[in-house]
Amino acid sequence: MFLKMKLEKNGQLGFELKEDAKPLTVGEFKKLMNNYYHSEIPLDVSPEEKTTDSNNIFQEINTQQQNS
């Protein structure tokens, strides 16, 4: 699990994780998913930004109520 381990001058234990044990960042996960799904839509766009007025159900309901 550990690549290197040493005792620091301040008495604390320092260590470095092996490559397979290092945590995955959100950025790395997004890149991985973009590569896996070959997505044309970037994953850093929120769902609210993906919707348009033409396919937004709430906009459609408001429009129908105004026309009634």
PDB file of N, CA and C in Angstrom:
ATOM      1  N   MET A   1       0.819  -1.183   0.000  1.00  0.00           N
ATOM      2  CA  MET A   1       0.000   0.000   0.000  1.00  0.00           C
ATOM      3  C   MET A   1       0.869   1.254   0.000  1.00  0.00           C
ATOM      4  N   PHE A   2       2.000   1.231   0.726  1.00  0.00           N
ATOM      5  CA  PHE A   2       2.855   2.408   0.790  1.00  0.00           C
ATOM      6  C   PHE A   2       4.061   2.233  -0.112  1.00  0.00           C
ATOM      7  N   LEU A   3       4.441   3.308  -0.764  1.00  0.00           N
ATOM      8  CA  LEU A   3       5.633   3.304  -1.593  1.00  0.00           C
ATOM      9  C   LEU A   3       6.843   3.686  -0.749  1.00  0.00           C
ATOM     10  N   LYS A   4       6.704   4.774   0.008  1.00  0.00           N
ATOM     11  CA  LYS A   4       7.771   5.244   0.894  1.00  0.00           C
ATOM     12  C   LYS A   4       7.157   5.610   2.239  1.00  0.00           C
ATOM     13  N   MET A   5       7.930   5.410   3.296  1.00  0.00           N
ATOM     14  CA  MET A   5       7.486   5.801   4.618  1.00  0.00           C
ATOM     15  C   MET A   5       8.703   6.299   5.382  1.00  0.00           C
ATOM     16  N   LYS A   6       8.548   7.425   6.088  1.00  0.00           N
ATOM     17  CA  LYS A   6       9.676   7.946   6.866  1.00  0.00           C
ATOM     18  C   LYS A   6       9.166   8.705   8.078  1.00  0.00           C
ATOM     19  N   LEU A   7      10.038   8.846   9.033  1.00  0.00           N
ATOM     20  CA  LEU A   7       9.736   9.595  10.235  1.00  0.00           C
ATOM     21  C   LEU A   7      10.251  11.018  10.040  1.00  0.00           C
ATOM     22  N   GLU A   8       9.346  12.003  10.102  1.00  0.00           N
ATOM     23  CA  GLU A   8       9.712  13.399   9.894  1.00  0.00           C
ATOM     24  C   GLU A   8      10.434  13.947  11.117  1.00  0.00           C
ATOM     25  N   LYS A   9      11.142  15.072  10.946  1.00  0.00           N
ATOM     26  CA  LYS A   9      11.874  15.712  12.045  1.00  0.00           C
ATOM     27  C   LYS A   9      10.945  16.143  13.174  1.00  0.00           C
ATOM     28  N   ASN A  10       9.699  16.483  12.823  1.00  0.00           N
ATOM     29  CA  ASN A  10       8.746  16.924  13.848  1.00  0.00           C
ATOM     30  C   ASN A  10       8.083  15.750  14.574  1.00  0.00           C
ATOM     31  N   GLY A  11       8.500  14.536  14.269  1.00  0.00           N
ATOM     32  CA  GLY A  11       7.975  13.366  14.967  1.00  0.00           C
ATOM     33  C   GLY A  11       6.791  12.716  14.279  1.00  0.00           C
ATOM     34  N   GLN A  12       6.284  13.337  13.216  1.00  0.00           N
ATOM     35  CA  GLN A  12       5.152  12.752  12.498  1.00  0.00           C
ATOM     36  C   GLN A  12       5.631  11.766  11.446  1.00  0.00           C
ATOM     37  N   LEU A  13       4.745  10.883  11.060  1.00  0.00           N
ATOM     38  CA  LEU A  13       5.047   9.866  10.073  1.00  0.00           C
ATOM     39  C   LEU A  13       4.657  10.390   8.695  1.00  0.00           C
ATOM     40  N   GLY A  14       5.589  10.342   7.763  1.00  0.00           N
ATOM     41  CA  GLY A  14       5.300  10.745   6.392  1.00  0.00           C
ATOM     42  C   GLY A  14       5.266   9.526   5.493  1.00  0.00           C
ATOM     43  N   PHE A  15       4.371   9.534   4.508  1.00  0.00           N
ATOM     44  CA  PHE A  15       4.292   8.384   3.610  1.00  0.00           C
ATOM     45  C   PHE A  15       3.805   8.817   2.237  1.00  0.00           C
ATOM     46  N   GLU A  16       4.087   7.997   1.257  1.00  0.00           N
ATOM     47  CA  GLU A  16       3.623   8.204  -0.107  1.00  0.00           C
ATOM     48  C   GLU A  16       2.924   6.922  -0.544  1.00  0.00           C
ATOM     49  N   LEU A  17       1.727   7.065  -1.096  1.00  0.00           N
ATOM     50  CA  LEU A  17       0.958   5.897  -1.524  1.00  0.00           C
ATOM     51  C   LEU A  17       1.442   5.392  -2.878  1.00  0.00           C
ATOM     52  N   LYS A  18       1.309   4.089  -3.098  1.00  0.00           N
ATOM     53  CA  LYS A  18       1.571   3.521  -4.421  1.00  0.00           C
ATOM     54  C   LYS A  18       0.548   4.086  -5.398  1.00  0.00           C
ATOM     55  N   GLU A  19       0.851   4.046  -6.679  1.00  0.00           N
ATOM     56  CA  GLU A  19      -0.014   4.626  -7.714  1.00  0.00           C
ATOM     57  C   GLU A  19      -1.429   4.047  -7.651  1.00  0.00           C
ATOM     58  N   ASP A  20      -1.567   2.752  -7.447  1.00  0.00           N
ATOM     59  CA  ASP A  20      -2.896   2.123  -7.408  1.00  0.00           C
ATOM     60  C   ASP A  20      -3.675   2.435  -6.139  1.00  0.00           C
ATOM     61  N   ALA A  21      -3.011   2.965  -5.117  1.00  0.00           N
ATOM     62  CA  ALA A  21      -3.678   3.270  -3.856  1.00  0.00           C
ATOM     63  C   ALA A  21      -4.013   4.752  -3.709  1.00  0.00           C
ATOM     64  N   LYS A  22      -3.585   5.577  -4.659  1.00  0.00           N
ATOM     65  CA  LYS A  22      -3.833   7.019  -4.564  1.00  0.00           C
ATOM     66  C   LYS A  22      -5.310   7.312  -4.832  1.00  0.00           C
ATOM     67  N   PRO A  23      -5.867   8.311  -4.155  1.00  0.00           N
ATOM     68  CA  PRO A  23      -7.282   8.644  -4.364  1.00  0.00           C
ATOM     69  C   PRO A  23      -7.520   9.258  -5.743  1.00  0.00           C
ATOM     70  N   LEU A  24      -8.701   9.080  -6.231  1.00  0.00           N
ATOM     71  CA  LEU A  24      -9.120   9.617  -7.521  1.00  0.00           C
ATOM     72  C   LEU A  24      -9.766  10.979  -7.304  1.00  0.00           C
ATOM     73  N   THR A  25      -9.322  11.986  -8.048  1.00  0.00           N
ATOM     74  CA  THR A  25      -9.923  13.312  -7.923  1.00  0.00           C
ATOM     75  C   THR A  25     -11.151  13.419  -8.813  1.00  0.00           C
ATOM     76  N   VAL A  26     -11.976  14.405  -8.558  1.00  0.00           N
ATOM     77  CA  VAL A  26     -13.175  14.624  -9.370  1.00  0.00           C
ATOM     78  C   VAL A  26     -12.774  14.922 -10.817  1.00  0.00           C
ATOM     79  N   GLY A  27     -11.739  15.711 -10.999  1.00  0.00           N
ATOM     80  CA  GLY A  27     -11.270  16.035 -12.350  1.00  0.00           C
ATOM     81  C   GLY A  27     -10.819  14.803 -13.103  1.00  0.00           C
ATOM     82  N   GLU A  28     -10.074  13.932 -12.431  1.00  0.00           N
ATOM     83  CA  GLU A  28      -9.628  12.696 -13.065  1.00  0.00           C
ATOM     84  C   GLU A  28     -10.817  11.802 -13.407  1.00  0.00           C
ATOM     85  N   PHE A  29     -11.819  11.764 -12.527  1.00  0.00           N
ATOM     86  CA  PHE A  29     -13.014  10.964 -12.777  1.00  0.00           C
ATOM     87  C   PHE A  29     -13.771  11.478 -13.999  1.00  0.00           C
ATOM     88  N   LYS A  30     -13.907  12.803 -14.129  1.00  0.00           N
ATOM     89  CA  LYS A  30     -14.596  13.384 -15.285  1.00  0.00           C
ATOM     90  C   LYS A  30     -13.873  13.052 -16.585  1.00  0.00           C
ATOM     91  N   LYS A  31     -12.550  13.151 -16.565  1.00  0.00           N
ATOM     92  CA  LYS A  31     -11.776  12.806 -17.767  1.00  0.00           C
ATOM     93  C   LYS A  31     -11.972  11.341 -18.125  1.00  0.00           C
ATOM     94  N   LEU A  32     -11.954  10.488 -17.117  1.00  0.00           N
ATOM     95  CA  LEU A  32     -12.139   9.058 -17.328  1.00  0.00           C
ATOM     96  C   LEU A  32     -13.509   8.771 -17.937  1.00  0.00           C
ATOM     97  N   MET A  33     -14.543   9.391 -17.398  1.00  0.00           N
ATOM     98  CA  MET A  33     -15.897   9.169 -17.908  1.00  0.00           C
ATOM     99  C   MET A  33     -16.064   9.734 -19.310  1.00  0.00           C
ATOM    100  N   ASN A  34     -15.461  10.895 -19.591  1.00  0.00           N
ATOM    101  CA  ASN A  34     -15.520  11.449 -20.949  1.00  0.00           C
ATOM    102  C   ASN A  34     -14.850  10.510 -21.946  1.00  0.00           C
ATOM    103  N   ASN A  35     -13.720   9.928 -21.556  1.00  0.00           N
ATOM    104  CA  ASN A  35     -13.034   8.987 -22.439  1.00  0.00           C
ATOM    105  C   ASN A  35     -13.832   7.700 -22.604  1.00  0.00           C
ATOM    106  N   TYR A  36     -14.451   7.242 -21.527  1.00  0.00           N
ATOM    107  CA  TYR A  36     -15.205   5.990 -21.565  1.00  0.00           C
ATOM    108  C   TYR A  36     -16.449   6.104 -22.432  1.00  0.00           C
ATOM    109  N   TYR A  37     -17.192   7.189 -22.266  1.00  0.00           N
ATOM    110  CA  TYR A  37     -18.452   7.345 -22.988  1.00  0.00           C
ATOM    111  C   TYR A  37     -18.309   8.123 -24.281  1.00  0.00           C
ATOM    112  N   HIS A  38     -17.124   8.649 -24.558  1.00  0.00           N
ATOM    113  CA  HIS A  38     -16.891   9.472 -25.751  1.00  0.00           C
ATOM    114  C   HIS A  38     -17.980  10.529 -25.873  1.00  0.00           C
ATOM    115  N   SER A  39     -18.251  11.166 -24.756  1.00  0.00           N
ATOM    116  CA  SER A  39     -19.338  12.130 -24.652  1.00  0.00           C
ATOM    117  C   SER A  39     -19.010  13.412 -25.392  1.00  0.00           C
ATOM    118  N   GLU A  40     -19.991  13.944 -26.129  1.00  0.00           N
ATOM    119  CA  GLU A  40     -19.840  15.238 -26.774  1.00  0.00           C
ATOM    120  C   GLU A  40     -20.216  16.358 -25.822  1.00  0.00           C
ATOM    121  N   ILE A  41     -20.951  16.027 -24.758  1.00  0.00           N
ATOM    122  CA  ILE A  41     -21.348  17.007 -23.753  1.00  0.00           C
ATOM    123  C   ILE A  41     -20.368  16.909 -22.598  1.00  0.00           C
ATOM    124  N   PRO A  42     -19.647  17.992 -22.288  1.00  0.00           N
ATOM    125  CA  PRO A  42     -18.700  17.914 -21.175  1.00  0.00           C
ATOM    126  C   PRO A  42     -19.409  17.653 -19.854  1.00  0.00           C
ATOM    127  N   LEU A  43     -18.769  16.873 -18.974  1.00  0.00           N
ATOM    128  CA  LEU A  43     -19.391  16.519 -17.707  1.00  0.00           C
ATOM    129  C   LEU A  43     -19.412  17.659 -16.707  1.00  0.00           C
ATOM    130  N   ASP A  44     -18.655  18.732 -16.960  1.00  0.00           N
ATOM    131  CA  ASP A  44     -18.646  19.828 -16.007  1.00  0.00           C
ATOM    132  C   ASP A  44     -19.805  20.796 -16.236  1.00  0.00           C
ATOM    133  N   VAL A  45     -20.684  20.505 -17.205  1.00  0.00           N
ATOM    134  CA  VAL A  45     -21.877  21.315 -17.432  1.00  0.00           C
ATOM    135  C   VAL A  45     -22.992  20.755 -16.571  1.00  0.00           C
ATOM    136  N   SER A  46     -23.611  21.621 -15.782  1.00  0.00           N
ATOM    137  CA  SER A  46     -24.677  21.158 -14.903  1.00  0.00           C
ATOM    138  C   SER A  46     -25.928  20.834 -15.716  1.00  0.00           C
ATOM    139  N   PRO A  47     -26.812  19.976 -15.208  1.00  0.00           N
ATOM    140  CA  PRO A  47     -28.031  19.625 -15.939  1.00  0.00           C
ATOM    141  C   PRO A  47     -28.894  20.841 -16.267  1.00  0.00           C
ATOM    142  N   GLU A  48     -28.862  21.870 -15.411  1.00  0.00           N
ATOM    143  CA  GLU A  48     -29.659  23.065 -15.686  1.00  0.00           C
ATOM    144  C   GLU A  48     -29.170  23.775 -16.937  1.00  0.00           C
ATOM    145  N   GLU A  49     -27.851  23.732 -17.185  1.00  0.00           N
ATOM    146  CA  GLU A  49     -27.290  24.389 -18.353  1.00  0.00           C
ATOM    147  C   GLU A  49     -27.561  23.605 -19.628  1.00  0.00           C
ATOM    148  N   LYS A  50     -27.807  22.294 -19.517  1.00  0.00           N
ATOM    149  CA  LYS A  50     -28.044  21.454 -20.689  1.00  0.00           C
ATOM    150  C   LYS A  50     -29.448  21.656 -21.250  1.00  0.00           C
ATOM    151  N   THR A  51     -30.388  22.049 -20.415  1.00  0.00           N
ATOM    152  CA  THR A  51     -31.762  22.196 -20.869  1.00  0.00           C
ATOM    153  C   THR A  51     -31.929  23.508 -21.617  1.00  0.00           C
ATOM    154  N   THR A  52     -32.818  23.494 -22.585  1.00  0.00           N
ATOM    155  CA  THR A  52     -33.153  24.705 -23.321  1.00  0.00           C
ATOM    156  C   THR A  52     -34.620  25.000 -23.097  1.00  0.00           C
ATOM    157  N   ASP A  53     -35.047  26.183 -23.511  1.00  0.00           N
ATOM    158  CA  ASP A  53     -36.450  26.549 -23.324  1.00  0.00           C
ATOM    159  C   ASP A  53     -37.389  25.613 -24.080  1.00  0.00           C
ATOM    160  N   SER A  54     -36.932  25.066 -25.203  1.00  0.00           N
ATOM    161  CA  SER A  54     -37.812  24.216 -26.003  1.00  0.00           C
ATOM    162  C   SER A  54     -38.070  22.864 -25.349  1.00  0.00           C
ATOM    163  N   ASN A  55     -37.153  22.380 -24.514  1.00  0.00           N
ATOM    164  CA  ASN A  55     -37.381  21.087 -23.886  1.00  0.00           C
ATOM    165  C   ASN A  55     -37.512  21.196 -22.366  1.00  0.00           C
ATOM    166  N   ASN A  56     -37.726  22.370 -21.868  1.00  0.00           N
ATOM    167  CA  ASN A  56     -37.900  22.576 -20.443  1.00  0.00           C
ATOM    168  C   ASN A  56     -39.385  22.450 -20.123  1.00  0.00           C
ATOM    169  N   ILE A  57     -39.764  21.421 -19.374  1.00  0.00           N
ATOM    170  CA  ILE A  57     -41.177  21.142 -19.099  1.00  0.00           C
ATOM    171  C   ILE A  57     -41.844  22.270 -18.327  1.00  0.00           C
ATOM    172  N   PHE A  58     -41.087  22.950 -17.445  1.00  0.00           N
ATOM    173  CA  PHE A  58     -41.687  24.036 -16.678  1.00  0.00           C
ATOM    174  C   PHE A  58     -41.989  25.230 -17.574  1.00  0.00           C
ATOM    175  N   GLN A  59     -41.124  25.477 -18.524  1.00  0.00           N
ATOM    176  CA  GLN A  59     -41.381  26.549 -19.483  1.00  0.00           C
ATOM    177  C   GLN A  59     -42.619  26.209 -20.311  1.00  0.00           C
ATOM    178  N   GLU A  60     -42.752  24.970 -20.702  1.00  0.00           N
ATOM    179  CA  GLU A  60     -43.892  24.515 -21.484  1.00  0.00           C
ATOM    180  C   GLU A  60     -45.190  24.681 -20.695  1.00  0.00           C
ATOM    181  N   ILE A  61     -45.189  24.332 -19.418  1.00  0.00           N
ATOM    182  CA  ILE A  61     -46.380  24.463 -18.583  1.00  0.00           C
ATOM    183  C   ILE A  61     -46.751  25.940 -18.426  1.00  0.00           C
ATOM    184  N   ASN A  62     -45.762  26.793 -18.171  1.00  0.00           N
ATOM    185  CA  ASN A  62     -46.022  28.226 -18.031  1.00  0.00           C
ATOM    186  C   ASN A  62     -46.605  28.800 -19.316  1.00  0.00           C
ATOM    187  N   THR A  63     -46.084  28.388 -20.445  1.00  0.00           N
ATOM    188  CA  THR A  63     -46.581  28.872 -21.737  1.00  0.00           C
ATOM    189  C   THR A  63     -48.024  28.432 -21.952  1.00  0.00           C
ATOM    190  N   GLN A  64     -48.334  27.176 -21.627  1.00  0.00           N
ATOM    191  CA  GLN A  64     -49.700  26.656 -21.798  1.00  0.00           C
ATOM    192  C   GLN A  64     -50.686  27.392 -20.885  1.00  0.00           C
ATOM    193  N   GLN A  65     -50.264  27.704 -19.656  1.00  0.00           N
ATOM    194  CA  GLN A  65     -51.150  28.415 -18.724  1.00  0.00           C
ATOM    195  C   GLN A  65     -51.399  29.837 -19.186  1.00  0.00           C
ATOM    196  N   GLN A  66     -50.407  30.476 -19.768  1.00  0.00           N
ATOM    197  CA  GLN A  66     -50.572  31.842 -20.257  1.00  0.00           C
ATOM    198  C   GLN A  66     -51.477  31.901 -21.481  1.00  0.00           C
ATOM    199  N   ASN A  67     -51.459  30.835 -22.294  1.00  0.00           N
ATOM    200  CA  ASN A  67     -52.275  30.800 -23.508  1.00  0.00           C
ATOM    201  C   ASN A  67     -53.719  30.394 -23.224  1.00  0.00           C
ATOM    202  N   SER A  68     -53.993  29.904 -22.030  1.00  0.00           N
ATOM    203  CA  SER A  68     -55.341  29.433 -21.710  1.00  0.00           C
ATOM    204  C   SER A  68     -56.237  30.562 -21.291  1.00  0.00           C
TER     205      SER A  68
END
